[in-house]
Amino acid sequence: MGIGNIGLPGLLLIAVVVLVLFGRGKISALMGEVGKGITAFKKGVDEGKSELEEQKAESAKDVTPADQKDKDKV
């Protein structure tokens, strides 16, 4: 018997046990913190994507051939 065989009745039983053990207030607060964490994670991912796009745009602006860049350095 693996986790894939729990089914809906098993999940409901687990949810009831968690509710009884922790109470509605603590679960509500925990879910709020999980929501804030997910929001912060999504914001970080979006900022990372925009930073990568900016880097790509900067590298696309410089269209000087590599051999010409080497001559300019000398």
Protein backbone atom coordinates (compact mmCIF):
# COMPACT_ATOMS: atom_id res chain seq x y z
CA MET A 1 0.00 0.00 0.00
CA GLY A 2 1.59 3.26 -1.14
CA ILE A 3 0.70 6.89 -0.91
CA GLY A 4 -1.07 6.66 -4.27
CA ASN A 5 -3.71 4.42 -2.68
CA ILE A 6 -4.88 6.81 0.08
CA GLY A 7 -7.95 8.08 -1.76
CA LEU A 8 -10.46 10.72 -0.75
CA PRO A 9 -11.64 9.07 2.51
CA GLY A 10 -8.06 8.77 3.71
CA LEU A 11 -7.31 12.42 2.89
CA LEU A 12 -10.46 13.52 4.72
CA LEU A 13 -9.46 11.48 7.77
CA ILE A 14 -5.99 13.06 7.76
CA ALA A 15 -7.51 16.54 7.44
CA VAL A 16 -9.84 15.91 10.41
CA VAL A 17 -6.96 14.61 12.56
CA VAL A 18 -4.82 17.65 11.71
CA LEU A 19 -7.74 19.97 12.49
CA VAL A 20 -8.31 18.30 15.85
CA LEU A 21 -4.62 18.35 16.79
CA PHE A 22 -3.81 21.94 15.81
CA GLY A 23 -7.12 23.76 15.91
CA ARG A 24 -8.67 26.00 13.31
CA GLY A 25 -6.82 29.16 14.36
CA LYS A 26 -3.33 27.71 14.02
CA ILE A 27 -4.12 26.08 10.69
CA SER A 28 -5.54 29.36 9.38
CA ALA A 29 -2.40 31.24 10.46
CA LEU A 30 -0.18 28.56 8.94
CA MET A 31 -2.02 28.71 5.62
CA GLY A 32 -1.66 32.50 5.63
CA GLU A 33 2.10 32.16 6.08
CA VAL A 34 2.25 29.54 3.31
CA GLY A 35 0.37 31.94 1.02
CA LYS A 36 2.81 34.76 1.81
CA GLY A 37 5.72 32.42 1.09
CA ILE A 38 4.28 31.38 -2.27
CA THR A 39 3.68 35.03 -3.18
CA ALA A 40 7.26 35.96 -2.26
CA PHE A 41 8.59 33.01 -4.26
CA LYS A 42 6.60 34.02 -7.36
CA LYS A 43 7.80 37.61 -7.00
CA GLY A 44 11.41 36.41 -6.81
CA VAL A 45 10.99 34.24 -9.89
CA ASP A 46 9.48 37.15 -11.84
CA GLU A 47 12.33 39.46 -10.77
CA GLY A 48 14.86 36.82 -11.85
CA LYS A 49 13.20 36.47 -15.24
CA SER A 50 13.16 40.22 -15.82
CA GLU A 51 16.83 40.45 -14.80
CA LEU A 52 17.74 37.72 -17.31
CA GLU A 53 15.75 39.46 -20.03
CA GLU A 54 17.59 42.72 -19.31
CA GLN A 55 20.93 40.93 -19.59
CA LYS A 56 19.88 39.40 -22.91
CA ALA A 57 18.81 42.82 -24.17
CA GLU A 58 22.14 44.35 -23.16
CA SER A 59 24.11 41.61 -24.92
CA ALA A 60 21.92 41.97 -28.02
CA LYS A 61 22.71 45.70 -28.21
CA ASP A 62 26.45 44.99 -28.57
CA VAL A 63 26.68 43.62 -32.10
CA THR A 64 30.39 44.24 -32.60
CA PRO A 65 32.07 41.08 -33.94
CA ALA A 66 34.34 39.33 -31.44
CA ASP A 67 37.48 39.80 -33.57
CA GLN A 68 36.81 43.55 -33.78
CA LYS A 69 36.51 43.75 -29.98
CA ASP A 70 39.95 42.16 -29.61
CA LYS A 71 41.48 44.77 -31.95
CA ASP A 72 39.87 47.59 -29.97
CA LYS A 73 41.45 46.36 -26.73
CA VAL A 74 44.99 46.50 -28.15
